[in-house]
PDB file of N, CA and C in Angstrom:
ATOM      1  N   MET A   1      32.695 -45.751 189.701  1.00  0.00           N
ATOM      2  CA  MET A   1      34.064 -45.260 189.732  1.00  0.00           C
ATOM      3  C   MET A   1      34.583 -45.394 191.159  1.00  0.00           C
ATOM      4  N   PRO A   2      35.766 -45.945 191.317  1.00  0.00           N
ATOM      5  CA  PRO A   2      36.325 -46.108 192.665  1.00  0.00           C
ATOM      6  C   PRO A   2      36.685 -44.759 193.284  1.00  0.00           C
ATOM      7  N   LYS A   3      36.706 -44.757 194.596  1.00  0.00           N
ATOM      8  CA  LYS A   3      37.052 -43.554 195.335  1.00  0.00           C
ATOM      9  C   LYS A   3      38.537 -43.238 195.153  1.00  0.00           C
ATOM     10  N   LEU A   4      38.835 -41.967 194.954  1.00  0.00           N
ATOM     11  CA  LEU A   4      40.233 -41.543 194.830  1.00  0.00           C
ATOM     12  C   LEU A   4      40.816 -41.397 196.222  1.00  0.00           C
ATOM     13  N   LYS A   5      42.058 -41.887 196.386  1.00  0.00           N
ATOM     14  CA  LYS A   5      42.662 -41.920 197.717  1.00  0.00           C
ATOM     15  C   LYS A   5      43.804 -40.931 197.901  1.00  0.00           C
ATOM     16  N   SER A   6      44.177 -40.237 196.829  1.00  0.00           N
ATOM     17  CA  SER A   6      45.280 -39.288 196.971  1.00  0.00           C
ATOM     18  C   SER A   6      45.209 -38.226 195.872  1.00  0.00           C
ATOM     19  N   ILE A   7      45.963 -37.176 196.072  1.00  0.00           N
ATOM     20  CA  ILE A   7      46.068 -36.112 195.076  1.00  0.00           C
ATOM     21  C   ILE A   7      46.698 -36.663 193.802  1.00  0.00           C
ATOM     22  N   LYS A   8      47.662 -37.544 193.959  1.00  0.00           N
ATOM     23  CA  LYS A   8      48.312 -38.149 192.787  1.00  0.00           C
ATOM     24  C   LYS A   8      47.297 -38.902 191.936  1.00  0.00           C
ATOM     25  N   GLU A   9      46.415 -39.663 192.546  1.00  0.00           N
ATOM     26  CA  GLU A   9      45.380 -40.390 191.797  1.00  0.00           C
ATOM     27  C   GLU A   9      44.466 -39.407 191.059  1.00  0.00           C
ATOM     28  N   LEU A  10      44.141 -38.301 191.708  1.00  0.00           N
ATOM     29  CA  LEU A  10      43.310 -37.291 191.082  1.00  0.00           C
ATOM     30  C   LEU A  10      44.024 -36.685 189.871  1.00  0.00           C
ATOM     31  N   ARG A  11      45.280 -36.320 190.043  1.00  0.00           N
ATOM     32  CA  ARG A  11      46.059 -35.744 188.943  1.00  0.00           C
ATOM     33  C   ARG A  11      46.201 -36.736 187.794  1.00  0.00           C
ATOM     34  N   ASP A  12      46.444 -37.991 188.109  1.00  0.00           N
ATOM     35  CA  ASP A  12      46.554 -39.015 187.071  1.00  0.00           C
ATOM     36  C   ASP A  12      45.240 -39.158 186.305  1.00  0.00           C
ATOM     37  N   LEU A  13      44.127 -39.124 187.020  1.00  0.00           N
ATOM     38  CA  LEU A  13      42.820 -39.239 186.386  1.00  0.00           C
ATOM     39  C   LEU A  13      42.538 -38.038 185.485  1.00  0.00           C
ATOM     40  N   VAL A  14      42.836 -36.843 185.953  1.00  0.00           N
ATOM     41  CA  VAL A  14      42.639 -35.635 185.153  1.00  0.00           C
ATOM     42  C   VAL A  14      43.489 -35.704 183.886  1.00  0.00           C
ATOM     43  N   SER A  15      44.738 -36.104 184.015  1.00  0.00           N
ATOM     44  CA  SER A  15      45.637 -36.219 182.872  1.00  0.00           C
ATOM     45  C   SER A  15      45.111 -37.245 181.867  1.00  0.00           C
ATOM     46  N   GLU A  16      44.662 -38.370 182.345  1.00  0.00           N
ATOM     47  CA  GLU A  16      44.117 -39.416 181.475  1.00  0.00           C
ATOM     48  C   GLU A  16      42.877 -38.925 180.728  1.00  0.00           C
ATOM     49  N   LEU A  17      41.991 -38.247 181.425  1.00  0.00           N
ATOM     50  CA  LEU A  17      40.776 -37.730 180.802  1.00  0.00           C
ATOM     51  C   LEU A  17      41.101 -36.680 179.741  1.00  0.00           C
ATOM     52  N   LYS A  18      42.052 -35.806 180.044  1.00  0.00           N
ATOM     53  CA  LYS A  18      42.446 -34.784 179.075  1.00  0.00           C
ATOM     54  C   LYS A  18      43.030 -35.428 177.823  1.00  0.00           C
ATOM     55  N   ASN A  19      43.898 -36.406 178.008  1.00  0.00           N
ATOM     56  CA  ASN A  19      44.525 -37.075 176.864  1.00  0.00           C
ATOM     57  C   ASN A  19      43.491 -37.785 176.004  1.00  0.00           C
ATOM     58  N   ASN A  20      42.577 -38.490 176.623  1.00  0.00           N
ATOM     59  CA  ASN A  20      41.555 -39.220 175.871  1.00  0.00           C
ATOM     60  C   ASN A  20      40.590 -38.285 175.172  1.00  0.00           C
ATOM     61  N   ALA A  21      40.251 -37.183 175.800  1.00  0.00           N
ATOM     62  CA  ALA A  21      39.276 -36.248 175.233  1.00  0.00           C
ATOM     63  C   ALA A  21      39.835 -35.521 174.019  1.00  0.00           C
ATOM     64  N   SER A  22      41.141 -35.276 173.994  1.00  0.00           N
ATOM     65  CA  SER A  22      41.703 -34.462 172.920  1.00  0.00           C
ATOM     66  C   SER A  22      42.311 -35.262 171.781  1.00  0.00           C
ATOM     67  N   LYS A  23      42.312 -36.584 171.849  1.00  0.00           N
ATOM     68  CA  LYS A  23      42.954 -37.390 170.813  1.00  0.00           C
ATOM     69  C   LYS A  23      42.354 -37.181 169.436  1.00  0.00           C
ATOM     70  N   ASN A  24      41.071 -37.105 169.341  1.00  0.00           N
ATOM     71  CA  ASN A  24      40.418 -36.976 168.038  1.00  0.00           C
ATOM     72  C   ASN A  24      39.706 -35.642 167.871  1.00  0.00           C
ATOM     73  N   LYS A  25      40.069 -34.686 168.672  1.00  0.00           N
ATOM     74  CA  LYS A  25      39.396 -33.389 168.619  1.00  0.00           C
ATOM     75  C   LYS A  25      40.259 -32.392 167.851  1.00  0.00           C
ATOM     76  N   THR A  26      39.607 -31.623 166.993  1.00  0.00           N
ATOM     77  CA  THR A  26      40.269 -30.556 166.255  1.00  0.00           C
ATOM     78  C   THR A  26      40.021 -29.255 167.001  1.00  0.00           C
ATOM     79  N   TYR A  27      41.093 -28.464 167.147  1.00  0.00           N
ATOM     80  CA  TYR A  27      40.987 -27.191 167.847  1.00  0.00           C
ATOM     81  C   TYR A  27      41.265 -26.050 166.876  1.00  0.00           C
ATOM     82  N   LEU A  28      40.412 -25.040 166.924  1.00  0.00           N
ATOM     83  CA  LEU A  28      40.612 -23.831 166.141  1.00  0.00           C
ATOM     84  C   LEU A  28      40.833 -22.686 167.113  1.00  0.00           C
ATOM     85  N   LYS A  29      41.986 -22.042 167.002  1.00  0.00           N
ATOM     86  CA  LYS A  29      42.299 -20.901 167.856  1.00  0.00           C
ATOM     87  C   LYS A  29      42.042 -19.627 167.067  1.00  0.00           C
ATOM     88  N   VAL A  30      41.168 -18.797 167.595  1.00  0.00           N
ATOM     89  CA  VAL A  30      40.871 -17.513 166.957  1.00  0.00           C
ATOM     90  C   VAL A  30      41.538 -16.424 167.787  1.00  0.00           C
ATOM     91  N   ALA A  31      42.417 -15.657 167.151  1.00  0.00           N
ATOM     92  CA  ALA A  31      43.140 -14.594 167.855  1.00  0.00           C
ATOM     93  C   ALA A  31      42.198 -13.424 168.104  1.00  0.00           C
ATOM     94  N   LEU A  32      41.965 -13.147 169.381  1.00  0.00           N
ATOM     95  CA  LEU A  32      41.065 -12.055 169.752  1.00  0.00           C
ATOM     96  C   LEU A  32      41.769 -11.031 170.630  1.00  0.00           C
ATOM     97  N   GLY A  33      42.993 -10.690 170.217  1.00  0.00           N
ATOM     98  CA  GLY A  33      43.676  -9.568 170.844  1.00  0.00           C
ATOM     99  C   GLY A  33      43.086  -8.287 170.275  1.00  0.00           C
ATOM    100  N   THR A  34      43.617  -7.167 170.675  1.00  0.00           N
ATOM    101  CA  THR A  34      43.110  -5.869 170.216  1.00  0.00           C
ATOM    102  C   THR A  34      43.124  -5.764 168.695  1.00  0.00           C
ATOM    103  N   CYS A  35      44.229  -6.201 168.089  1.00  0.00           N
ATOM    104  CA  CYS A  35      44.340  -6.088 166.625  1.00  0.00           C
ATOM    105  C   CYS A  35      43.329  -7.001 165.937  1.00  0.00           C
ATOM    106  N   GLY A  36      43.099  -8.192 166.472  1.00  0.00           N
ATOM    107  CA  GLY A  36      42.129  -9.109 165.892  1.00  0.00           C
ATOM    108  C   GLY A  36      40.712  -8.569 165.987  1.00  0.00           C
ATOM    109  N   ILE A  37      40.366  -8.083 167.159  1.00  0.00           N
ATOM    110  CA  ILE A  37      39.014  -7.549 167.365  1.00  0.00           C
ATOM    111  C   ILE A  37      38.764  -6.355 166.448  1.00  0.00           C
ATOM    112  N   SER A  38      39.761  -5.477 166.329  1.00  0.00           N
ATOM    113  CA  SER A  38      39.577  -4.300 165.477  1.00  0.00           C
ATOM    114  C   SER A  38      39.497  -4.671 163.992  1.00  0.00           C
ATOM    115  N   SER A  39      39.940  -5.879 163.652  1.00  0.00           N
ATOM    116  CA  SER A  39      39.877  -6.348 162.262  1.00  0.00           C
ATOM    117  C   SER A  39      38.657  -7.221 161.982  1.00  0.00           C
ATOM    118  N   GLY A  40      37.821  -7.446 163.000  1.00  0.00           N
ATOM    119  CA  GLY A  40      36.601  -8.218 162.785  1.00  0.00           C
ATOM    120  C   GLY A  40      36.640  -9.647 163.275  1.00  0.00           C
ATOM    121  N   ALA A  41      37.594  -9.981 164.146  1.00  0.00           N
ATOM    122  CA  ALA A  41      37.721 -11.360 164.623  1.00  0.00           C
ATOM    123  C   ALA A  41      36.505 -11.820 165.427  1.00  0.00           C
ATOM    124  N   ASP A  42      35.803 -10.897 166.073  1.00  0.00           N
ATOM    125  CA  ASP A  42      34.579 -11.281 166.795  1.00  0.00           C
ATOM    126  C   ASP A  42      33.552 -11.877 165.840  1.00  0.00           C
ATOM    127  N   GLU A  43      33.358 -11.223 164.694  1.00  0.00           N
ATOM    128  CA  GLU A  43      32.414 -11.738 163.699  1.00  0.00           C
ATOM    129  C   GLU A  43      32.896 -13.063 163.122  1.00  0.00           C
ATOM    130  N   THR A  44      34.203 -13.180 162.920  1.00  0.00           N
ATOM    131  CA  THR A  44      34.781 -14.423 162.417  1.00  0.00           C
ATOM    132  C   THR A  44      34.537 -15.549 163.419  1.00  0.00           C
ATOM    133  N   PHE A  45      34.766 -15.284 164.702  1.00  0.00           N
ATOM    134  CA  PHE A  45      34.547 -16.275 165.753  1.00  0.00           C
ATOM    135  C   PHE A  45      33.085 -16.736 165.757  1.00  0.00           C
ATOM    136  N   ASP A  46      32.167 -15.784 165.756  1.00  0.00           N
ATOM    137  CA  ASP A  46      30.739 -16.121 165.777  1.00  0.00           C
ATOM    138  C   ASP A  46      30.337 -16.940 164.554  1.00  0.00           C
ATOM    139  N   GLU A  47      30.851 -16.573 163.390  1.00  0.00           N
ATOM    140  CA  GLU A  47      30.527 -17.310 162.167  1.00  0.00           C
ATOM    141  C   GLU A  47      31.096 -18.726 162.208  1.00  0.00           C
ATOM    142  N   LEU A  48      32.297 -18.881 162.763  1.00  0.00           N
ATOM    143  CA  LEU A  48      32.878 -20.227 162.929  1.00  0.00           C
ATOM    144  C   LEU A  48      31.945 -21.111 163.751  1.00  0.00           C
ATOM    145  N   ILE A  49      31.486 -20.598 164.861  1.00  0.00           N
ATOM    146  CA  ILE A  49      30.573 -21.356 165.718  1.00  0.00           C
ATOM    147  C   ILE A  49      29.321 -21.745 164.936  1.00  0.00           C
ATOM    148  N   ASN A  50      28.742 -20.791 164.210  1.00  0.00           N
ATOM    149  CA  ASN A  50      27.522 -21.049 163.445  1.00  0.00           C
ATOM    150  C   ASN A  50      27.728 -22.109 162.371  1.00  0.00           C
ATOM    151  N   VAL A  51      28.802 -21.997 161.594  1.00  0.00           N
ATOM    152  CA  VAL A  51      29.042 -22.929 160.491  1.00  0.00           C
ATOM    153  C   VAL A  51      29.409 -24.315 161.016  1.00  0.00           C
ATOM    154  N   ILE A  52      30.171 -24.383 162.089  1.00  0.00           N
ATOM    155  CA  ILE A  52      30.521 -25.678 162.683  1.00  0.00           C
ATOM    156  C   ILE A  52      29.272 -26.367 163.221  1.00  0.00           C
ATOM    157  N   ASN A  53      28.389 -25.610 163.865  1.00  0.00           N
ATOM    158  CA  ASN A  53      27.121 -26.180 164.340  1.00  0.00           C
ATOM    159  C   ASN A  53      26.245 -26.625 163.176  1.00  0.00           C
ATOM    160  N   GLU A  54      26.191 -25.813 162.144  1.00  0.00           N
ATOM    161  CA  GLU A  54      25.410 -26.150 160.946  1.00  0.00           C
ATOM    162  C   GLU A  54      25.899 -27.462 160.318  1.00  0.00           C
ATOM    163  N   ALA A  55      27.226 -27.639 160.294  1.00  0.00           N
ATOM    164  CA  ALA A  55      27.826 -28.839 159.705  1.00  0.00           C
ATOM    165  C   ALA A  55      27.825 -30.024 160.675  1.00  0.00           C
ATOM    166  N   LYS A  56      27.360 -29.783 161.904  1.00  0.00           N
ATOM    167  CA  LYS A  56      27.275 -30.825 162.940  1.00  0.00           C
ATOM    168  C   LYS A  56      28.636 -31.498 163.212  1.00  0.00           C
ATOM    169  N   LEU A  57      29.663 -30.661 163.371  1.00  0.00           N
ATOM    170  CA  LEU A  57      31.005 -31.154 163.663  1.00  0.00           C
ATOM    171  C   LEU A  57      31.208 -31.192 165.176  1.00  0.00           C
ATOM    172  N   ASP A  58      30.941 -32.326 165.768  1.00  0.00           N
ATOM    173  CA  ASP A  58      31.028 -32.472 167.220  1.00  0.00           C
ATOM    174  C   ASP A  58      32.462 -32.595 167.728  1.00  0.00           C
ATOM    175  N   ASN A  59      33.401 -32.899 166.835  1.00  0.00           N
ATOM    176  CA  ASN A  59      34.786 -33.099 167.248  1.00  0.00           C
ATOM    177  C   ASN A  59      35.642 -31.851 167.075  1.00  0.00           C
ATOM    178  N   VAL A  60      35.009 -30.678 166.944  1.00  0.00           N
ATOM    179  CA  VAL A  60      35.729 -29.422 166.728  1.00  0.00           C
ATOM    180  C   VAL A  60      35.427 -28.471 167.867  1.00  0.00           C
ATOM    181  N   GLU A  61      36.496 -27.883 168.414  1.00  0.00           N
ATOM    182  CA  GLU A  61      36.326 -26.890 169.471  1.00  0.00           C
ATOM    183  C   GLU A  61      36.986 -25.587 169.044  1.00  0.00           C
ATOM    184  N   VAL A  62      36.261 -24.500 169.183  1.00  0.00           N
ATOM    185  CA  VAL A  62      36.780 -23.172 168.844  1.00  0.00           C
ATOM    186  C   VAL A  62      37.192 -22.483 170.136  1.00  0.00           C
ATOM    187  N   ILE A  63      38.430 -21.991 170.144  1.00  0.00           N
ATOM    188  CA  ILE A  63      39.006 -21.400 171.350  1.00  0.00           C
ATOM    189  C   ILE A  63      39.382 -19.948 171.083  1.00  0.00           C
ATOM    190  N   ARG A  64      39.037 -19.070 172.019  1.00  0.00           N
ATOM    191  CA  ARG A  64      39.461 -17.671 171.957  1.00  0.00           C
ATOM    192  C   ARG A  64      40.879 -17.590 172.533  1.00  0.00           C
ATOM    193  N   THR A  65      41.776 -16.904 171.817  1.00  0.00           N
ATOM    194  CA  THR A  65      43.125 -16.684 172.339  1.00  0.00           C
ATOM    195  C   THR A  65      43.449 -15.201 172.251  1.00  0.00           C
ATOM    196  N   GLY A  66      44.564 -14.844 172.828  1.00  0.00           N
ATOM    197  CA  GLY A  66      45.074 -13.499 172.651  1.00  0.00           C
ATOM    198  C   GLY A  66      45.774 -13.428 171.305  1.00  0.00           C
ATOM    199  N   CYS A  67      46.563 -12.432 171.124  1.00  0.00           N
ATOM    200  CA  CYS A  67      47.271 -12.227 169.867  1.00  0.00           C
ATOM    201  C   CYS A  67      48.186 -13.409 169.557  1.00  0.00           C
ATOM    202  N   LEU A  68      48.171 -13.865 168.309  1.00  0.00           N
ATOM    203  CA  LEU A  68      49.060 -14.946 167.877  1.00  0.00           C
ATOM    204  C   LEU A  68      50.335 -14.391 167.247  1.00  0.00           C
ATOM    205  N   GLY A  69      50.429 -13.054 167.158  1.00  0.00           N
ATOM    206  CA  GLY A  69      51.647 -12.428 166.657  1.00  0.00           C
ATOM    207  C   GLY A  69      51.627 -12.093 165.173  1.00  0.00           C
ATOM    208  N   TYR A  70      50.504 -12.193 164.536  1.00  0.00           N
ATOM    209  CA  TYR A  70      50.403 -11.906 163.107  1.00  0.00           C
ATOM    210  C   TYR A  70      49.417 -10.766 162.875  1.00  0.00           C
ATOM    211  N   CYS A  71      49.660  -9.657 163.539  1.00  0.00           N
ATOM    212  CA  CYS A  71      48.738  -8.515 163.520  1.00  0.00           C
ATOM    213  C   CYS A  71      48.433  -8.039 162.106  1.00  0.00           C
ATOM    214  N   TYR A  72      49.408  -8.112 161.230  1.00  0.00           N
ATOM    215  CA  TYR A  72      49.202  -7.638 159.865  1.00  0.00           C
ATOM    216  C   TYR A  72      48.183  -8.483 159.103  1.00  0.00           C
ATOM    217  N   ALA A  73      47.904  -9.711 159.577  1.00  0.00           N
ATOM    218  CA  ALA A  73      47.050 -10.642 158.841  1.00  0.00           C
ATOM    219  C   ALA A  73      45.737 -10.931 159.562  1.00  0.00           C
ATOM    220  N   GLU A  74      45.367 -10.108 160.529  1.00  0.00           N
ATOM    221  CA  GLU A  74      44.135 -10.356 161.284  1.00  0.00           C
ATOM    222  C   GLU A  74      42.902 -10.210 160.407  1.00  0.00           C
ATOM    223  N   PRO A  75      41.869 -10.918 160.736  1.00  0.00           N
ATOM    224  CA  PRO A  75      41.699 -11.958 161.740  1.00  0.00           C
ATOM    225  C   PRO A  75      42.447 -13.243 161.359  1.00  0.00           C
ATOM    226  N   THR A  76      43.048 -13.888 162.373  1.00  0.00           N
ATOM    227  CA  THR A  76      43.800 -15.114 162.147  1.00  0.00           C
ATOM    228  C   THR A  76      43.163 -16.277 162.899  1.00  0.00           C
ATOM    229  N   ILE A  77      43.311 -17.463 162.300  1.00  0.00           N
ATOM    230  CA  ILE A  77      42.813 -18.700 162.903  1.00  0.00           C
ATOM    231  C   ILE A  77      43.882 -19.764 162.741  1.00  0.00           C
ATOM    232  N   GLU A  78      44.204 -20.441 163.831  1.00  0.00           N
ATOM    233  CA  GLU A  78      45.112 -21.581 163.779  1.00  0.00           C
ATOM    234  C   GLU A  78      44.272 -22.851 163.864  1.00  0.00           C
ATOM    235  N   VAL A  79      44.436 -23.742 162.890  1.00  0.00           N
ATOM    236  CA  VAL A  79      43.690 -24.998 162.844  1.00  0.00           C
ATOM    237  C   VAL A  79      44.620 -26.122 163.255  1.00  0.00           C
ATOM    238  N   ASN A  80      44.227 -26.844 164.308  1.00  0.00           N
ATOM    239  CA  ASN A  80      45.020 -27.955 164.826  1.00  0.00           C
ATOM    240  C   ASN A  80      44.230 -29.253 164.699  1.00  0.00           C
ATOM    241  N   VAL A  81      44.542 -30.010 163.648  1.00  0.00           N
ATOM    242  CA  VAL A  81      43.911 -31.306 163.406  1.00  0.00           C
ATOM    243  C   VAL A  81      44.850 -32.378 163.950  1.00  0.00           C
ATOM    244  N   PRO A  82      44.352 -33.331 164.745  1.00  0.00           N
ATOM    245  CA  PRO A  82      45.216 -34.370 165.307  1.00  0.00           C
ATOM    246  C   PRO A  82      46.034 -35.083 164.223  1.00  0.00           C
ATOM    247  N   GLY A  83      47.323 -35.240 164.484  1.00  0.00           N
ATOM    248  CA  GLY A  83      48.207 -35.940 163.558  1.00  0.00           C
ATOM    249  C   GLY A  83      48.772 -35.067 162.450  1.00  0.00           C
ATOM    250  N   ASN A  84      48.395 -33.791 162.406  1.00  0.00           N
ATOM    251  CA  ASN A  84      48.896 -32.871 161.378  1.00  0.00           C
ATOM    252  C   ASN A  84      49.536 -31.656 162.030  1.00  0.00           C
ATOM    253  N   LYS A  85      50.415 -30.999 161.273  1.00  0.00           N
ATOM    254  CA  LYS A  85      50.980 -29.744 161.757  1.00  0.00           C
ATOM    255  C   LYS A  85      49.884 -28.688 161.771  1.00  0.00           C
ATOM    256  N   PRO A  86      49.953 -27.760 162.715  1.00  0.00           N
ATOM    257  CA  PRO A  86      48.966 -26.669 162.724  1.00  0.00           C
ATOM    258  C   PRO A  86      49.065 -25.838 161.445  1.00  0.00           C
ATOM    259  N   VAL A  87      47.937 -25.335 161.009  1.00  0.00           N
ATOM    260  CA  VAL A  87      47.880 -24.450 159.838  1.00  0.00           C
ATOM    261  C   VAL A  87      47.363 -23.107 160.324  1.00  0.00           C
ATOM    262  N   LEU A  88      48.073 -22.048 159.949  1.00  0.00           N
ATOM    263  CA  LEU A  88      47.679 -20.703 160.353  1.00  0.00           C
ATOM    264  C   LEU A  88      47.096 -19.969 159.151  1.00  0.00           C
ATOM    265  N   TYR A  89      45.839 -19.561 159.302  1.00  0.00           N
ATOM    266  CA  TYR A  89      45.150 -18.823 158.258  1.00  0.00           C
ATOM    267  C   TYR A  89      45.079 -17.350 158.636  1.00  0.00           C
ATOM    268  N   GLY A  90      45.233 -16.476 157.639  1.00  0.00           N
ATOM    269  CA  GLY A  90      45.147 -15.045 157.869  1.00  0.00           C
ATOM    270  C   GLY A  90      44.099 -14.387 156.994  1.00  0.00           C
ATOM    271  N   PHE A  91      43.722 -13.189 157.396  1.00  0.00           N
ATOM    272  CA  PHE A  91      42.709 -12.398 156.694  1.00  0.00           C
ATOM    273  C   PHE A  91      41.391 -13.173 156.596  1.00  0.00           C
ATOM    274  N   VAL A  92      41.042 -13.886 157.684  1.00  0.00           N
ATOM    275  CA  VAL A  92      39.847 -14.735 157.688  1.00  0.00           C
ATOM    276  C   VAL A  92      38.643 -13.906 158.121  1.00  0.00           C
ATOM    277  N   THR A  93      38.027 -13.279 157.140  1.00  0.00           N
ATOM    278  CA  THR A  93      36.806 -12.532 157.406  1.00  0.00           C
ATOM    279  C   THR A  93      35.639 -13.507 157.504  1.00  0.00           C
ATOM    280  N   LYS A  94      34.527 -12.996 157.946  1.00  0.00           N
ATOM    281  CA  LYS A  94      33.318 -13.802 158.106  1.00  0.00           C
ATOM    282  C   LYS A  94      32.975 -14.559 156.817  1.00  0.00           C
ATOM    283  N   SER A  95      33.183 -13.931 155.683  1.00  0.00           N
ATOM    284  CA  SER A  95      32.829 -14.542 154.395  1.00  0.00           C
ATOM    285  C   SER A  95      33.749 -15.704 154.007  1.00  0.00           C
ATOM    286  N   LYS A  96      34.908 -15.838 154.660  1.00  0.00           N
ATOM    287  CA  LYS A  96      35.860 -16.902 154.314  1.00  0.00           C
ATOM    288  C   LYS A  96      35.783 -18.101 155.258  1.00  0.00           C
ATOM    289  N   VAL A  97      35.005 -17.979 156.307  1.00  0.00           N
ATOM    290  CA  VAL A  97      34.907 -19.037 157.315  1.00  0.00           C
ATOM    291  C   VAL A  97      34.383 -20.340 156.718  1.00  0.00           C
ATOM    292  N   ARG A  98      33.351 -20.248 155.898  1.00  0.00           N
ATOM    293  CA  ARG A  98      32.731 -21.441 155.307  1.00  0.00           C
ATOM    294  C   ARG A  98      33.756 -22.267 154.524  1.00  0.00           C
ATOM    295  N   ASP A  99      34.667 -21.589 153.797  1.00  0.00           N
ATOM    296  CA  ASP A  99      35.711 -22.300 153.048  1.00  0.00           C
ATOM    297  C   ASP A  99      36.592 -23.120 153.979  1.00  0.00           C
ATOM    298  N   ILE A 100      37.001 -22.523 155.093  1.00  0.00           N
ATOM    299  CA  ILE A 100      37.869 -23.240 156.029  1.00  0.00           C
ATOM    300  C   ILE A 100      37.140 -24.438 156.629  1.00  0.00           C
ATOM    301  N   VAL A 101      35.901 -24.247 157.035  1.00  0.00           N
ATOM    302  CA  VAL A 101      35.157 -25.342 157.663  1.00  0.00           C
ATOM    303  C   VAL A 101      34.925 -26.475 156.667  1.00  0.00           C
ATOM    304  N   TYR A 102      34.398 -26.158 155.503  1.00  0.00           N
ATOM    305  CA  TYR A 102      34.040 -27.219 154.557  1.00  0.00           C
ATOM    306  C   TYR A 102      35.247 -27.802 153.828  1.00  0.00           C
ATOM    307  N   LYS A 103      36.188 -26.962 153.414  1.00  0.00           N
ATOM    308  CA  LYS A 103      37.355 -27.488 152.690  1.00  0.00           C
ATOM    309  C   LYS A 103      38.359 -28.146 153.629  1.00  0.00           C
ATOM    310  N   HIS A 104      38.760 -27.428 154.685  1.00  0.00           N
ATOM    311  CA  HIS A 104      39.815 -27.950 155.555  1.00  0.00           C
ATOM    312  C   HIS A 104      39.284 -29.007 156.531  1.00  0.00           C
ATOM    313  N   LEU A 105      38.245 -28.665 157.268  1.00  0.00           N
ATOM    314  CA  LEU A 105      37.783 -29.578 158.320  1.00  0.00           C
ATOM    315  C   LEU A 105      37.025 -30.784 157.786  1.00  0.00           C
ATOM    316  N   ILE A 106      36.264 -30.610 156.736  1.00  0.00           N
ATOM    317  CA  ILE A 106      35.462 -31.719 156.218  1.00  0.00           C
ATOM    318  C   ILE A 106      36.181 -32.466 155.089  1.00  0.00           C
ATOM    319  N   GLU A 107      36.720 -31.738 154.108  1.00  0.00           N
ATOM    320  CA  GLU A 107      37.374 -32.385 152.972  1.00  0.00           C
ATOM    321  C   GLU A 107      38.858 -32.684 153.214  1.00  0.00           C
ATOM    322  N   GLY A 108      39.449 -32.044 154.230  1.00  0.00           N
ATOM    323  CA  GLY A 108      40.858 -32.280 154.534  1.00  0.00           C
ATOM    324  C   GLY A 108      41.821 -31.557 153.606  1.00  0.00           C
ATOM    325  N   LYS A 109      41.350 -30.529 152.910  1.00  0.00           N
ATOM    326  CA  LYS A 109      42.187 -29.770 151.979  1.00  0.00           C
ATOM    327  C   LYS A 109      42.510 -28.404 152.571  1.00  0.00           C
ATOM    328  N   ILE A 110      43.775 -28.033 152.541  1.00  0.00           N
ATOM    329  CA  ILE A 110      44.196 -26.736 153.061  1.00  0.00           C
ATOM    330  C   ILE A 110      43.756 -25.640 152.094  1.00  0.00           C
ATOM    331  N   VAL A 111      43.249 -24.548 152.641  1.00  0.00           N
ATOM    332  CA  VAL A 111      42.812 -23.401 151.839  1.00  0.00           C
ATOM    333  C   VAL A 111      44.055 -22.530 151.621  1.00  0.00           C
ATOM    334  N   GLU A 112      44.803 -22.872 150.581  1.00  0.00           N
ATOM    335  CA  GLU A 112      46.134 -22.292 150.336  1.00  0.00           C
ATOM    336  C   GLU A 112      46.143 -20.767 150.282  1.00  0.00           C
ATOM    337  N   GLU A 113      45.122 -20.160 149.696  1.00  0.00           N
ATOM    338  CA  GLU A 113      45.136 -18.699 149.516  1.00  0.00           C
ATOM    339  C   GLU A 113      45.023 -17.935 150.829  1.00  0.00           C
ATOM    340  N   LEU A 114      44.685 -18.631 151.932  1.00  0.00           N
ATOM    341  CA  LEU A 114      44.574 -17.965 153.233  1.00  0.00           C
ATOM    342  C   LEU A 114      45.728 -18.300 154.185  1.00  0.00           C
ATOM    343  N   VAL A 115      46.607 -19.201 153.782  1.00  0.00           N
ATOM    344  CA  VAL A 115      47.693 -19.653 154.668  1.00  0.00           C
ATOM    345  C   VAL A 115      48.721 -18.556 154.873  1.00  0.00           C
ATOM    346  N   ILE A 116      49.117 -18.359 156.130  1.00  0.00           N
ATOM    347  CA  ILE A 116      50.229 -17.469 156.456  1.00  0.00           C
ATOM    348  C   ILE A 116      51.476 -18.339 156.476  1.00  0.00           C
ATOM    349  N   PRO A 117      52.475 -18.014 155.677  1.00  0.00           N
ATOM    350  CA  PRO A 117      53.695 -18.845 155.647  1.00  0.00           C
ATOM    351  C   PRO A 117      54.381 -18.844 157.015  1.00  0.00           C
ATOM    352  N   GLU A 118      55.064 -19.919 157.322  1.00  0.00           N
ATOM    353  CA  GLU A 118      55.760 -20.033 158.605  1.00  0.00           C
ATOM    354  C   GLU A 118      56.829 -18.960 158.694  1.00  0.00           C
ATOM    355  N   THR A 119      56.835 -18.253 159.807  1.00  0.00           N
ATOM    356  CA  THR A 119      57.809 -17.178 159.976  1.00  0.00           C
ATOM    357  C   THR A 119      58.735 -17.404 161.161  1.00  0.00           C
ATOM    358  N   HIS A 120      58.507 -18.483 161.908  1.00  0.00           N
ATOM    359  CA  HIS A 120      59.368 -18.775 163.051  1.00  0.00           C
ATOM    360  C   HIS A 120      59.389 -20.278 163.306  1.00  0.00           C
ATOM    361  N   LYS A 121      60.354 -20.716 164.049  1.00  0.00           N
ATOM    362  CA  LYS A 121      60.470 -22.131 164.419  1.00  0.00           C
ATOM    363  C   LYS A 121      60.283 -22.266 165.927  1.00  0.00           C
ATOM    364  N   ILE A 122      59.782 -23.396 166.321  1.00  0.00           N
ATOM    365  CA  ILE A 122      59.635 -23.687 167.750  1.00  0.00           C
ATOM    366  C   ILE A 122      60.987 -24.184 168.259  1.00  0.00           C
ATOM    367  N   VAL A 123      61.425 -23.643 169.362  1.00  0.00           N
ATOM    368  CA  VAL A 123      62.687 -24.052 169.952  1.00  0.00           C
ATOM    369  C   VAL A 123      62.421 -25.163 170.953  1.00  0.00           C
ATOM    370  N   LEU A 124      63.049 -26.302 170.778  1.00  0.00           N
ATOM    371  CA  LEU A 124      62.871 -27.428 171.708  1.00  0.00           C
ATOM    372  C   LEU A 124      64.119 -27.665 172.522  1.00  0.00           C
TER     373      LEU A 124
END
């Protein structure tokens, strides 16, 4: 790798690496605010890690976030598959994690009974 000669080159390299690394990666955001934790989101998070490892899904990253704003539906998970709109699942207890991993991530089918309907729009 050639030597970097400026901060701009470093920033460009970091940006390029981030873009390439995330192109085919699926991200799962688990809401771990106070309401999520009190509803069992810690167990949901741990089970997600276990089931994803069991299924050997190397292109999936599970991320801890704060509250996603759906306190009534905790534990919540947002699934972001490249090229698709994010899907927000609610009431995702430890026992429902396997359905999301195998149906949504592996088979590509949305687990309709866990979907939280869209309640807001993104302002651009």
